[in-house]
Amino acid sequence: AVCTGLGIPPRSVSNVYGVFKAYTTRVGKGAFPTEQNNEIGERLQKIGKEFGVTTGRKRRCGWFDVVIAKYSNMINGYTSIALTKLDIMDDFDEVKIGVSYRLNGQPITAIPAEQSELSKVEVEYITMPGWKSKIAGITFYNDLPINAKNYVVKIQELTGIPIQWIGTGPSRDHMIQVF
């Protein structure tokens, strides 16, 4: 549809970039497997300024969801991604990544087609140590704390998508170009 709207053939598109936050957000109702209806979700919301621009409505917040990221990649075919808002988790003692789902106690390999079933999945997480230091404004990958690098590398490994950019703050200048 993008090519049709632009009037260019698909073969003219050589790169497709995805943009993911270092955690997951959603506005409105519906299933949100990694949502944190607790102090963690509130911290992500407050620090990340997660409010709708037009409505001012609070965004729902949760841990990074590998299953959703892989589904998005399956549909869009990303050549690489930008991982934004990594700095929002600077003060967390630990960070989690939702790596897979279980439904009725059984592992599932695809996102359920029905919202009612998606709302029943249990998320399996990996837990990693936080970096407990300010990264806002860092523009070189090697300057990131080791635990922040480990988090980025783990997301890249789990999604299978190269991370080309890392957002480390609210300014356009607060971006690491990895490659």
N, C-alpha and C. Protein backbone atom coordinates (compact mmCIF):
# COMPACT_ATOMS: atom_id res chain seq x y z
N ALA A 1 0.82 -1.19 0.00
CA ALA A 1 0.00 0.00 0.00
C ALA A 1 0.87 1.26 0.00
N VAL A 2 2.00 1.20 0.68
CA VAL A 2 2.88 2.37 0.70
C VAL A 2 3.37 2.68 -0.70
N CYS A 3 3.82 1.65 -1.40
CA CYS A 3 4.33 1.87 -2.76
C CYS A 3 3.24 2.42 -3.67
N THR A 4 2.03 1.89 -3.56
CA THR A 4 0.92 2.36 -4.38
C THR A 4 0.65 3.83 -4.10
N GLY A 5 0.62 4.20 -2.82
CA GLY A 5 0.35 5.58 -2.44
C GLY A 5 1.45 6.53 -2.87
N LEU A 6 2.68 6.03 -2.94
CA LEU A 6 3.81 6.87 -3.34
C LEU A 6 4.03 6.88 -4.85
N GLY A 7 3.47 5.87 -5.52
CA GLY A 7 3.65 5.79 -6.96
C GLY A 7 5.01 5.22 -7.34
N ILE A 8 5.58 4.36 -6.48
CA ILE A 8 6.87 3.73 -6.80
C ILE A 8 6.71 2.21 -6.72
N PRO A 9 7.48 1.48 -7.51
CA PRO A 9 7.39 0.02 -7.46
C PRO A 9 8.08 -0.53 -6.21
N PRO A 10 7.61 -1.66 -5.68
CA PRO A 10 8.22 -2.26 -4.50
C PRO A 10 9.72 -2.53 -4.64
N ARG A 11 10.21 -2.84 -5.84
CA ARG A 11 11.63 -3.13 -6.01
C ARG A 11 12.51 -1.90 -5.76
N SER A 12 11.88 -0.71 -5.70
CA SER A 12 12.65 0.51 -5.43
C SER A 12 12.91 0.71 -3.93
N VAL A 13 12.26 -0.08 -3.10
CA VAL A 13 12.45 0.03 -1.66
C VAL A 13 13.53 -0.96 -1.24
N SER A 14 14.66 -0.44 -0.78
CA SER A 14 15.77 -1.33 -0.42
C SER A 14 15.88 -1.56 1.09
N ASN A 15 15.34 -0.65 1.91
CA ASN A 15 15.41 -0.81 3.36
C ASN A 15 14.06 -0.50 3.98
N VAL A 16 13.72 -1.27 5.00
CA VAL A 16 12.49 -1.05 5.75
C VAL A 16 12.90 -0.96 7.22
N TYR A 17 12.66 0.21 7.82
CA TYR A 17 13.08 0.45 9.20
C TYR A 17 11.88 0.37 10.14
N GLY A 18 12.07 -0.40 11.20
CA GLY A 18 11.06 -0.45 12.25
C GLY A 18 11.49 0.44 13.40
N VAL A 19 10.53 0.90 14.18
CA VAL A 19 10.81 1.72 15.36
C VAL A 19 10.10 1.08 16.55
N PHE A 20 10.88 0.70 17.53
CA PHE A 20 10.34 0.12 18.76
C PHE A 20 10.86 0.90 19.95
N LYS A 21 10.02 1.09 20.94
CA LYS A 21 10.49 1.61 22.22
C LYS A 21 11.20 0.47 22.95
N ALA A 22 12.02 0.82 23.93
CA ALA A 22 12.72 -0.18 24.73
C ALA A 22 11.78 -0.91 25.67
N TYR A 23 10.55 -0.45 25.73
CA TYR A 23 9.46 -1.08 26.47
C TYR A 23 8.24 -0.98 25.57
N THR A 24 7.11 -1.53 25.97
CA THR A 24 5.94 -1.54 25.10
C THR A 24 4.86 -0.61 25.66
N THR A 25 4.14 0.08 24.76
CA THR A 25 3.03 0.94 25.17
C THR A 25 1.82 0.66 24.29
N ARG A 26 0.68 1.06 24.82
CA ARG A 26 -0.55 0.93 24.07
C ARG A 26 -1.55 1.96 24.57
N VAL A 27 -2.36 2.49 23.67
CA VAL A 27 -3.44 3.39 24.04
C VAL A 27 -4.74 2.64 23.77
N GLY A 28 -5.68 2.76 24.68
CA GLY A 28 -6.99 2.16 24.46
C GLY A 28 -7.11 0.77 25.03
N LYS A 29 -8.25 0.17 24.72
CA LYS A 29 -8.57 -1.15 25.26
C LYS A 29 -7.95 -2.24 24.41
N GLY A 30 -8.05 -3.44 24.92
CA GLY A 30 -7.57 -4.60 24.19
C GLY A 30 -6.47 -5.32 24.93
N ALA A 31 -6.16 -6.51 24.45
CA ALA A 31 -5.15 -7.34 25.09
C ALA A 31 -3.77 -6.67 25.01
N PHE A 32 -3.04 -6.78 26.08
CA PHE A 32 -1.69 -6.22 26.18
C PHE A 32 -0.91 -7.14 27.12
N PRO A 33 -0.36 -8.23 26.58
CA PRO A 33 0.24 -9.27 27.42
C PRO A 33 1.31 -8.81 28.40
N THR A 34 2.19 -7.91 28.02
CA THR A 34 3.29 -7.51 28.91
C THR A 34 2.96 -6.28 29.75
N GLU A 35 1.70 -5.84 29.72
CA GLU A 35 1.30 -4.64 30.48
C GLU A 35 1.62 -4.82 31.96
N GLN A 36 2.08 -3.75 32.57
CA GLN A 36 2.38 -3.73 34.00
C GLN A 36 1.39 -2.81 34.70
N ASN A 37 0.36 -3.39 35.27
CA ASN A 37 -0.64 -2.63 36.03
C ASN A 37 -0.16 -2.50 37.46
N ASN A 38 0.96 -1.83 37.60
CA ASN A 38 1.59 -1.73 38.92
C ASN A 38 2.55 -0.54 38.92
N GLU A 39 3.39 -0.48 39.93
CA GLU A 39 4.34 0.62 40.08
C GLU A 39 5.31 0.70 38.90
N ILE A 40 5.67 -0.43 38.32
CA ILE A 40 6.58 -0.44 37.17
C ILE A 40 5.93 0.26 35.98
N GLY A 41 4.68 -0.10 35.69
CA GLY A 41 3.96 0.54 34.59
C GLY A 41 3.80 2.03 34.82
N GLU A 42 3.52 2.41 36.06
CA GLU A 42 3.39 3.84 36.39
C GLU A 42 4.72 4.57 36.24
N ARG A 43 5.81 3.93 36.61
CA ARG A 43 7.13 4.56 36.45
C ARG A 43 7.47 4.77 34.97
N LEU A 44 7.23 3.74 34.16
CA LEU A 44 7.48 3.87 32.72
C LEU A 44 6.64 5.01 32.14
N GLN A 45 5.37 5.06 32.56
CA GLN A 45 4.46 6.08 32.08
C GLN A 45 4.92 7.49 32.47
N LYS A 46 5.29 7.64 33.72
CA LYS A 46 5.70 8.96 34.22
C LYS A 46 7.03 9.41 33.62
N ILE A 47 8.04 8.56 33.72
CA ILE A 47 9.38 8.93 33.22
C ILE A 47 9.36 9.10 31.71
N GLY A 48 8.63 8.20 31.02
CA GLY A 48 8.57 8.24 29.56
C GLY A 48 7.59 9.24 28.99
N LYS A 49 6.87 9.95 29.89
CA LYS A 49 5.86 10.93 29.46
C LYS A 49 4.89 10.28 28.47
N GLU A 50 4.35 9.16 28.88
CA GLU A 50 3.49 8.36 28.02
C GLU A 50 2.03 8.78 28.13
N PHE A 51 1.72 9.86 27.41
CA PHE A 51 0.37 10.39 27.35
C PHE A 51 0.06 10.72 25.90
N GLY A 52 -1.15 10.46 25.46
CA GLY A 52 -1.54 10.75 24.09
C GLY A 52 -1.43 12.24 23.80
N VAL A 53 -0.86 12.58 22.66
CA VAL A 53 -0.64 13.98 22.28
C VAL A 53 -1.96 14.72 22.10
N THR A 54 -2.90 14.12 21.43
CA THR A 54 -4.17 14.79 21.16
C THR A 54 -5.12 14.74 22.35
N THR A 55 -5.27 13.56 22.92
CA THR A 55 -6.27 13.38 23.97
C THR A 55 -5.71 13.58 25.38
N GLY A 56 -4.41 13.44 25.55
CA GLY A 56 -3.82 13.50 26.88
C GLY A 56 -4.05 12.22 27.66
N ARG A 57 -4.63 11.22 26.99
CA ARG A 57 -4.93 9.95 27.65
C ARG A 57 -3.65 9.20 27.99
N LYS A 58 -3.62 8.58 29.15
CA LYS A 58 -2.45 7.82 29.58
C LYS A 58 -2.26 6.60 28.68
N ARG A 59 -1.01 6.37 28.30
CA ARG A 59 -0.69 5.15 27.57
C ARG A 59 -0.46 4.04 28.59
N ARG A 60 -0.86 2.87 28.23
CA ARG A 60 -0.59 1.69 29.05
C ARG A 60 0.85 1.27 28.77
N CYS A 61 1.57 0.85 29.79
CA CYS A 61 2.99 0.55 29.63
C CYS A 61 3.33 -0.83 30.16
N GLY A 62 4.31 -1.46 29.52
CA GLY A 62 4.78 -2.77 29.95
C GLY A 62 6.16 -3.07 29.41
N TRP A 63 6.63 -4.25 29.72
CA TRP A 63 7.96 -4.67 29.28
C TRP A 63 8.00 -4.90 27.77
N PHE A 64 9.18 -4.87 27.19
CA PHE A 64 9.37 -5.15 25.77
C PHE A 64 8.80 -6.54 25.47
N ASP A 65 8.06 -6.64 24.37
CA ASP A 65 7.37 -7.87 23.99
C ASP A 65 7.98 -8.41 22.70
N VAL A 66 8.80 -9.44 22.82
CA VAL A 66 9.47 -10.04 21.66
C VAL A 66 8.46 -10.66 20.70
N VAL A 67 7.41 -11.27 21.22
CA VAL A 67 6.43 -11.94 20.37
C VAL A 67 5.77 -10.92 19.43
N ILE A 68 5.37 -9.78 19.98
CA ILE A 68 4.75 -8.73 19.17
C ILE A 68 5.76 -8.14 18.18
N ALA A 69 7.00 -7.94 18.63
CA ALA A 69 8.04 -7.39 17.75
C ALA A 69 8.30 -8.33 16.57
N LYS A 70 8.36 -9.62 16.84
CA LYS A 70 8.59 -10.59 15.76
C LYS A 70 7.41 -10.64 14.80
N TYR A 71 6.21 -10.51 15.33
CA TYR A 71 5.01 -10.48 14.48
C TYR A 71 5.05 -9.25 13.57
N SER A 72 5.39 -8.11 14.15
CA SER A 72 5.51 -6.88 13.37
C SER A 72 6.56 -7.03 12.27
N ASN A 73 7.65 -7.68 12.60
CA ASN A 73 8.71 -7.91 11.61
C ASN A 73 8.24 -8.86 10.51
N MET A 74 7.47 -9.88 10.89
CA MET A 74 6.96 -10.82 9.90
C MET A 74 6.10 -10.10 8.86
N ILE A 75 5.30 -9.16 9.33
CA ILE A 75 4.41 -8.42 8.43
C ILE A 75 5.17 -7.40 7.59
N ASN A 76 6.15 -6.72 8.20
CA ASN A 76 6.80 -5.59 7.55
C ASN A 76 8.18 -5.86 6.95
N GLY A 77 8.85 -6.92 7.38
CA GLY A 77 10.16 -7.28 6.82
C GLY A 77 11.24 -6.23 7.08
N TYR A 78 11.45 -5.87 8.33
CA TYR A 78 12.44 -4.84 8.66
C TYR A 78 13.85 -5.28 8.28
N THR A 79 14.60 -4.35 7.74
CA THR A 79 16.03 -4.60 7.52
C THR A 79 16.82 -4.22 8.76
N SER A 80 16.28 -3.30 9.57
CA SER A 80 16.87 -2.95 10.86
C SER A 80 15.85 -2.12 11.63
N ILE A 81 16.16 -1.88 12.91
CA ILE A 81 15.24 -1.10 13.73
C ILE A 81 15.95 -0.01 14.51
N ALA A 82 15.15 0.95 14.92
CA ALA A 82 15.57 1.96 15.89
C ALA A 82 14.92 1.56 17.21
N LEU A 83 15.71 1.44 18.25
CA LEU A 83 15.22 1.14 19.59
C LEU A 83 15.26 2.45 20.37
N THR A 84 14.10 3.01 20.66
CA THR A 84 14.03 4.33 21.28
C THR A 84 13.76 4.24 22.78
N LYS A 85 13.97 5.35 23.45
CA LYS A 85 13.62 5.54 24.86
C LYS A 85 14.34 4.58 25.81
N LEU A 86 15.53 4.17 25.46
CA LEU A 86 16.30 3.29 26.34
C LEU A 86 16.59 3.98 27.68
N ASP A 87 16.75 5.29 27.64
CA ASP A 87 17.07 6.07 28.85
C ASP A 87 15.95 6.06 29.89
N ILE A 88 14.73 5.74 29.49
CA ILE A 88 13.59 5.75 30.42
C ILE A 88 13.80 4.73 31.54
N MET A 89 14.58 3.69 31.27
CA MET A 89 14.77 2.63 32.26
C MET A 89 16.08 2.77 33.04
N ASP A 90 16.68 3.96 33.01
CA ASP A 90 17.97 4.19 33.68
C ASP A 90 17.98 3.81 35.16
N ASP A 91 16.90 4.02 35.85
CA ASP A 91 16.89 3.83 37.31
C ASP A 91 16.30 2.50 37.76
N PHE A 92 16.00 1.61 36.85
CA PHE A 92 15.42 0.33 37.23
C PHE A 92 16.50 -0.62 37.74
N ASP A 93 16.21 -1.30 38.84
CA ASP A 93 17.15 -2.29 39.38
C ASP A 93 17.28 -3.48 38.44
N GLU A 94 16.16 -3.84 37.83
CA GLU A 94 16.16 -4.92 36.85
C GLU A 94 15.17 -4.57 35.74
N VAL A 95 15.40 -5.15 34.58
CA VAL A 95 14.52 -4.96 33.43
C VAL A 95 14.13 -6.33 32.92
N LYS A 96 12.95 -6.39 32.32
CA LYS A 96 12.46 -7.68 31.82
C LYS A 96 12.13 -7.57 30.33
N ILE A 97 12.19 -8.71 29.71
CA ILE A 97 11.81 -8.84 28.30
C ILE A 97 10.84 -10.01 28.21
N GLY A 98 9.66 -9.76 27.65
CA GLY A 98 8.70 -10.83 27.41
C GLY A 98 9.14 -11.63 26.20
N VAL A 99 9.50 -12.90 26.40
CA VAL A 99 10.11 -13.68 25.32
C VAL A 99 9.17 -14.67 24.64
N SER A 100 8.13 -15.11 25.35
CA SER A 100 7.21 -16.08 24.74
C SER A 100 5.90 -16.08 25.51
N TYR A 101 4.90 -16.74 24.92
CA TYR A 101 3.57 -16.83 25.52
C TYR A 101 3.22 -18.29 25.79
N ARG A 102 2.36 -18.45 26.79
CA ARG A 102 1.73 -19.74 27.08
C ARG A 102 0.22 -19.49 27.12
N LEU A 103 -0.53 -20.42 26.58
CA LEU A 103 -1.99 -20.35 26.63
C LEU A 103 -2.48 -21.66 27.20
N ASN A 104 -3.27 -21.57 28.27
CA ASN A 104 -3.76 -22.77 28.97
C ASN A 104 -2.60 -23.68 29.38
N GLY A 105 -1.49 -23.05 29.79
CA GLY A 105 -0.33 -23.80 30.27
C GLY A 105 0.57 -24.37 29.20
N GLN A 106 0.18 -24.20 27.93
CA GLN A 106 0.96 -24.75 26.82
C GLN A 106 1.66 -23.64 26.06
N PRO A 107 2.94 -23.86 25.68
CA PRO A 107 3.61 -22.85 24.87
C PRO A 107 2.92 -22.69 23.52
N ILE A 108 2.83 -21.45 23.04
CA ILE A 108 2.26 -21.22 21.71
C ILE A 108 3.30 -20.52 20.86
N THR A 109 3.26 -20.77 19.58
CA THR A 109 4.29 -20.25 18.68
C THR A 109 3.82 -19.07 17.85
N ALA A 110 2.53 -18.76 17.93
CA ALA A 110 1.98 -17.63 17.17
C ALA A 110 1.03 -16.84 18.05
N ILE A 111 0.80 -15.62 17.69
CA ILE A 111 -0.15 -14.78 18.41
C ILE A 111 -1.55 -15.31 18.13
N PRO A 112 -2.35 -15.53 19.18
CA PRO A 112 -3.72 -15.99 18.93
C PRO A 112 -4.50 -14.99 18.08
N ALA A 113 -5.33 -15.51 17.20
CA ALA A 113 -6.10 -14.65 16.31
C ALA A 113 -7.21 -13.91 17.06
N GLU A 114 -7.69 -14.48 18.13
CA GLU A 114 -8.78 -13.88 18.89
C GLU A 114 -8.25 -13.04 20.04
N GLN A 115 -8.75 -11.80 20.15
CA GLN A 115 -8.37 -10.93 21.26
C GLN A 115 -8.67 -11.59 22.61
N SER A 116 -9.78 -12.34 22.67
CA SER A 116 -10.14 -12.99 23.93
C SER A 116 -9.08 -14.00 24.35
N GLU A 117 -8.48 -14.68 23.40
CA GLU A 117 -7.41 -15.63 23.73
C GLU A 117 -6.11 -14.90 24.04
N LEU A 118 -5.81 -13.83 23.29
CA LEU A 118 -4.59 -13.07 23.56
C LEU A 118 -4.62 -12.50 24.97
N SER A 119 -5.79 -12.13 25.44
CA SER A 119 -5.89 -11.57 26.78
C SER A 119 -5.66 -12.61 27.87
N LYS A 120 -5.67 -13.89 27.51
CA LYS A 120 -5.47 -14.97 28.48
C LYS A 120 -4.04 -15.52 28.50
N VAL A 121 -3.18 -15.06 27.59
CA VAL A 121 -1.83 -15.63 27.55
C VAL A 121 -1.05 -15.25 28.80
N GLU A 122 -0.16 -16.14 29.17
CA GLU A 122 0.80 -15.87 30.23
C GLU A 122 2.12 -15.60 29.54
N VAL A 123 2.83 -14.57 29.98
CA VAL A 123 4.09 -14.19 29.35
C VAL A 123 5.25 -14.81 30.12
N GLU A 124 6.18 -15.37 29.39
CA GLU A 124 7.43 -15.84 30.00
C GLU A 124 8.47 -14.75 29.79
N TYR A 125 9.12 -14.38 30.87
CA TYR A 125 10.08 -13.27 30.85
C TYR A 125 11.50 -13.76 31.13
N ILE A 126 12.44 -13.00 30.62
CA ILE A 126 13.80 -13.09 31.13
C ILE A 126 14.03 -11.80 31.90
N THR A 127 14.78 -11.89 32.96
CA THR A 127 15.09 -10.73 33.80
C THR A 127 16.57 -10.44 33.70
N MET A 128 16.88 -9.16 33.49
CA MET A 128 18.27 -8.73 33.36
C MET A 128 18.53 -7.60 34.35
N PRO A 129 19.77 -7.46 34.78
CA PRO A 129 20.08 -6.34 35.70
C PRO A 129 19.96 -5.00 34.98
N GLY A 130 19.44 -4.01 35.70
CA GLY A 130 19.38 -2.66 35.15
C GLY A 130 20.77 -2.03 35.12
N TRP A 131 20.88 -0.85 34.52
CA TRP A 131 22.18 -0.21 34.40
C TRP A 131 22.41 0.88 35.44
N LYS A 132 21.33 1.33 36.07
CA LYS A 132 21.41 2.25 37.22
C LYS A 132 22.37 3.42 36.99
N SER A 133 22.36 3.96 35.79
CA SER A 133 23.14 5.17 35.50
C SER A 133 22.48 5.92 34.36
N LYS A 134 22.72 7.21 34.33
CA LYS A 134 22.09 8.07 33.32
C LYS A 134 22.78 7.89 31.97
N ILE A 135 21.97 7.59 30.95
CA ILE A 135 22.52 7.44 29.61
C ILE A 135 22.05 8.53 28.66
N ALA A 136 21.22 9.45 29.15
CA ALA A 136 20.67 10.51 28.29
C ALA A 136 21.79 11.25 27.59
N GLY A 137 21.68 11.33 26.29
CA GLY A 137 22.65 12.09 25.50
C GLY A 137 23.84 11.29 25.02
N ILE A 138 24.00 10.05 25.44
CA ILE A 138 25.11 9.24 24.94
C ILE A 138 24.91 9.02 23.45
N THR A 139 25.97 9.22 22.68
CA THR A 139 25.86 9.07 21.23
C THR A 139 26.81 8.02 20.65
N PHE A 140 27.58 7.36 21.52
CA PHE A 140 28.48 6.30 21.07
C PHE A 140 28.14 5.01 21.81
N TYR A 141 27.96 3.95 21.06
CA TYR A 141 27.57 2.66 21.63
C TYR A 141 28.50 2.23 22.77
N ASN A 142 29.79 2.36 22.57
CA ASN A 142 30.75 1.90 23.57
C ASN A 142 30.67 2.69 24.87
N ASP A 143 30.00 3.84 24.87
CA ASP A 143 29.85 4.63 26.10
C ASP A 143 28.66 4.16 26.95
N LEU A 144 27.82 3.28 26.41
CA LEU A 144 26.69 2.76 27.19
C LEU A 144 27.21 1.85 28.30
N PRO A 145 26.53 1.84 29.45
CA PRO A 145 26.88 0.88 30.51
C PRO A 145 26.70 -0.55 29.98
N ILE A 146 27.50 -1.46 30.49
CA ILE A 146 27.47 -2.84 29.99
C ILE A 146 26.08 -3.46 30.09
N ASN A 147 25.34 -3.19 31.16
CA ASN A 147 24.01 -3.80 31.29
C ASN A 147 23.03 -3.23 30.27
N ALA A 148 23.19 -1.97 29.87
CA ALA A 148 22.35 -1.39 28.81
C ALA A 148 22.70 -2.05 27.48
N LYS A 149 23.99 -2.24 27.23
CA LYS A 149 24.41 -2.94 26.00
C LYS A 149 23.85 -4.35 25.97
N ASN A 150 23.93 -5.04 27.11
CA ASN A 150 23.42 -6.42 27.18
C ASN A 150 21.93 -6.48 26.87
N TYR A 151 21.18 -5.49 27.35
CA TYR A 151 19.74 -5.42 27.08
C TYR A 151 19.48 -5.25 25.58
N VAL A 152 20.19 -4.34 24.96
CA VAL A 152 20.04 -4.08 23.53
C VAL A 152 20.40 -5.33 22.72
N VAL A 153 21.53 -5.95 23.07
CA VAL A 153 21.98 -7.15 22.35
C VAL A 153 20.96 -8.28 22.51
N LYS A 154 20.40 -8.42 23.70
CA LYS A 154 19.42 -9.48 23.94
C LYS A 154 18.16 -9.26 23.08
N ILE A 155 17.69 -8.02 23.00
CA ILE A 155 16.53 -7.73 22.14
C ILE A 155 16.86 -8.06 20.69
N GLN A 156 18.04 -7.69 20.25
CA GLN A 156 18.46 -7.98 18.88
C GLN A 156 18.51 -9.50 18.65
N GLU A 157 19.09 -10.23 19.59
CA GLU A 157 19.17 -11.69 19.45
C GLU A 157 17.78 -12.32 19.42
N LEU A 158 16.91 -11.91 20.31
CA LEU A 158 15.59 -12.53 20.43
C LEU A 158 14.67 -12.20 19.26
N THR A 159 14.77 -10.97 18.74
CA THR A 159 13.90 -10.59 17.61
C THR A 159 14.49 -11.02 16.27
N GLY A 160 15.81 -11.15 16.22
CA GLY A 160 16.47 -11.47 14.96
C GLY A 160 16.56 -10.28 14.03
N ILE A 161 16.37 -9.08 14.56
CA ILE A 161 16.40 -7.86 13.75
C ILE A 161 17.59 -7.01 14.19
N PRO A 162 18.47 -6.61 13.28
CA PRO A 162 19.60 -5.75 13.67
C PRO A 162 19.11 -4.40 14.21
N ILE A 163 19.70 -3.97 15.31
CA ILE A 163 19.37 -2.66 15.87
C ILE A 163 20.39 -1.66 15.33
N GLN A 164 19.90 -0.76 14.49
CA GLN A 164 20.78 0.20 13.82
C GLN A 164 20.91 1.50 14.60
N TRP A 165 19.86 1.88 15.33
CA TRP A 165 19.89 3.11 16.11
C TRP A 165 19.36 2.84 17.51
N ILE A 166 19.89 3.59 18.48
CA ILE A 166 19.42 3.49 19.86
C ILE A 166 19.16 4.90 20.35
N GLY A 167 17.93 5.16 20.79
CA GLY A 167 17.56 6.47 21.33
C GLY A 167 17.92 6.53 22.81
N THR A 168 18.67 7.58 23.17
CA THR A 168 19.13 7.73 24.55
C THR A 168 18.62 9.01 25.21
N GLY A 169 17.61 9.63 24.64
CA GLY A 169 17.06 10.84 25.23
C GLY A 169 16.05 11.48 24.30
N PRO A 170 15.44 12.58 24.77
CA PRO A 170 14.36 13.21 24.01
C PRO A 170 14.81 14.01 22.79
N SER A 171 16.04 14.39 22.72
CA SER A 171 16.52 15.21 21.60
C SER A 171 16.86 14.33 20.40
N ARG A 172 16.72 14.89 19.23
CA ARG A 172 17.12 14.16 18.02
C ARG A 172 18.61 13.83 18.03
N ASP A 173 19.38 14.62 18.76
CA ASP A 173 20.82 14.39 18.86
C ASP A 173 21.14 13.23 19.80
N HIS A 174 20.19 12.80 20.59
CA HIS A 174 20.42 11.73 21.56
C HIS A 174 20.17 10.37 20.90
N MET A 175 20.97 10.07 19.90
CA MET A 175 20.79 8.86 19.12
C MET A 175 22.16 8.25 18.84
N ILE A 176 22.25 6.94 19.07
CA ILE A 176 23.45 6.19 18.74
C ILE A 176 23.21 5.52 17.40
N GLN A 177 24.12 5.72 16.46
CA GLN A 177 24.05 4.97 15.21
C GLN A 177 25.02 3.80 15.37
N VAL A 178 24.46 2.60 15.47
CA VAL A 178 25.26 1.41 15.74
C VAL A 178 26.04 0.99 14.49
N PHE A 179 25.39 1.04 13.33
CA PHE A 179 26.08 0.72 12.07
C PHE A 179 25.49 1.56 10.96
